[in-house]
Amino acid sequence: MAKESMKAREVKRQAMVKKYAAKRKVLKDAGDWEGLQKLPKDASPVRLHNRCKLTGRPKGYMRTFGISRVTFREMANQGLIPGVRKASW
């Protein structure tokens, strides 16, 4: 389980990216690099990091499901993810 502060920080970054997206696009299209530098650091989408929706784990993230590999395996074994079952051949 990730620290609550880390999860909250990531949510805050997502909100900031969303808030400044239009302004960043205008500045980028105009080639105003100095104007871009004056925006907050966290307004850049590059600073976002995917985290598991349930545990907040930053590594082993599976985009398709929005959860980490560990959580995915637990849920798949319990049959909580539709259409997913353990392979056997």
Protein backbone atom coordinates (compact mmCIF):
# COMPACT_ATOMS: atom_id res chain seq x y z
CA MET A 1 0.00 0.00 0.00
CA ALA A 2 1.39 3.38 -0.99
CA LYS A 3 1.45 6.29 1.42
CA GLU A 4 -1.68 8.41 1.24
CA SER A 5 0.46 11.49 0.64
CA MET A 6 1.94 9.94 -2.50
CA LYS A 7 -1.50 9.09 -3.86
CA ALA A 8 -2.76 12.58 -3.05
CA ARG A 9 0.26 14.17 -4.73
CA GLU A 10 -0.45 12.23 -7.91
CA VAL A 11 -4.11 13.31 -7.88
CA LYS A 12 -3.00 16.91 -7.39
CA ARG A 13 -0.64 16.64 -10.37
CA GLN A 14 -3.40 15.23 -12.57
CA ALA A 15 -5.63 18.17 -11.68
CA MET A 16 -2.85 20.65 -12.43
CA VAL A 17 -2.11 19.05 -15.81
CA LYS A 18 -5.79 19.24 -16.70
CA LYS A 19 -6.02 22.87 -15.55
CA TYR A 20 -3.08 24.08 -17.66
CA ALA A 21 -3.53 21.81 -20.71
CA ALA A 22 -5.13 24.47 -22.94
CA LYS A 23 -2.65 27.16 -21.92
CA ARG A 24 0.30 24.81 -22.52
CA LYS A 25 -1.01 23.96 -25.99
CA VAL A 26 -1.32 27.65 -26.96
CA LEU A 27 2.18 28.45 -25.67
CA LYS A 28 3.68 25.40 -27.37
CA ASP A 29 2.04 26.16 -30.72
CA ALA A 30 3.31 29.75 -30.53
CA GLY A 31 6.83 28.53 -29.67
CA ASP A 32 6.87 30.59 -26.48
CA TRP A 33 9.32 28.48 -24.48
CA GLU A 34 9.87 31.19 -21.87
CA GLY A 35 6.13 31.31 -21.22
CA LEU A 36 6.11 27.53 -20.79
CA GLN A 37 8.91 27.75 -18.25
CA LYS A 38 6.87 30.19 -16.15
CA LEU A 39 4.09 27.62 -15.68
CA PRO A 40 4.26 25.36 -12.61
CA LYS A 41 6.47 22.27 -12.95
CA ASP A 42 3.60 19.94 -12.13
CA ALA A 43 1.57 21.33 -15.06
CA SER A 44 3.67 19.19 -17.39
CA PRO A 45 2.09 15.83 -18.30
CA VAL A 46 5.56 14.25 -18.32
CA ARG A 47 5.59 14.41 -14.51
CA LEU A 48 2.54 12.16 -14.17
CA HIS A 49 3.12 8.57 -13.12
CA ASN A 50 0.59 5.76 -13.41
CA ARG A 51 -0.44 4.20 -10.11
CA CYS A 52 -2.65 1.27 -9.19
CA LYS A 53 -6.21 2.49 -8.53
CA LEU A 54 -6.61 0.19 -5.53
CA THR A 55 -3.24 0.09 -3.79
CA GLY A 56 -1.36 3.07 -5.24
CA ARG A 57 1.59 0.89 -6.26
CA PRO A 58 3.72 2.81 -8.81
CA LYS A 59 5.49 -0.14 -10.43
CA GLY A 60 4.09 -3.06 -12.39
CA TYR A 61 1.12 -1.02 -13.64
CA MET A 62 -1.13 -2.63 -16.26
CA ARG A 63 -2.73 0.09 -18.41
CA THR A 64 -5.52 -2.12 -19.71
CA PHE A 65 -6.94 -2.65 -16.24
CA GLY A 66 -5.58 0.36 -14.33
CA ILE A 67 -4.16 -1.80 -11.55
CA SER A 68 -0.79 -3.28 -10.61
CA ARG A 69 0.27 -6.79 -11.59
CA VAL A 70 0.04 -7.98 -7.98
CA THR A 71 -3.55 -6.75 -7.56
CA PHE A 72 -4.41 -8.08 -11.01
CA ARG A 73 -3.22 -11.57 -10.10
CA GLU A 74 -5.14 -11.59 -6.82
CA MET A 75 -8.35 -10.42 -8.49
CA ALA A 76 -7.95 -12.82 -11.44
CA ASN A 77 -7.49 -15.79 -9.12
CA GLN A 78 -10.64 -14.83 -7.24
CA GLY A 79 -12.54 -14.47 -10.53
CA LEU A 80 -13.24 -10.77 -10.06
CA ILE A 81 -12.05 -9.72 -13.54
CA PRO A 82 -14.50 -10.74 -16.27
CA GLY A 83 -13.01 -12.65 -19.20
CA VAL A 84 -9.73 -13.40 -17.44
CA ARG A 85 -8.77 -16.83 -16.24
CA LYS A 86 -5.56 -18.67 -15.49
CA ALA A 87 -3.88 -20.19 -18.50
CA SER A 88 -3.25 -23.91 -18.73
CA TRP A 89 -1.91 -25.84 -21.69
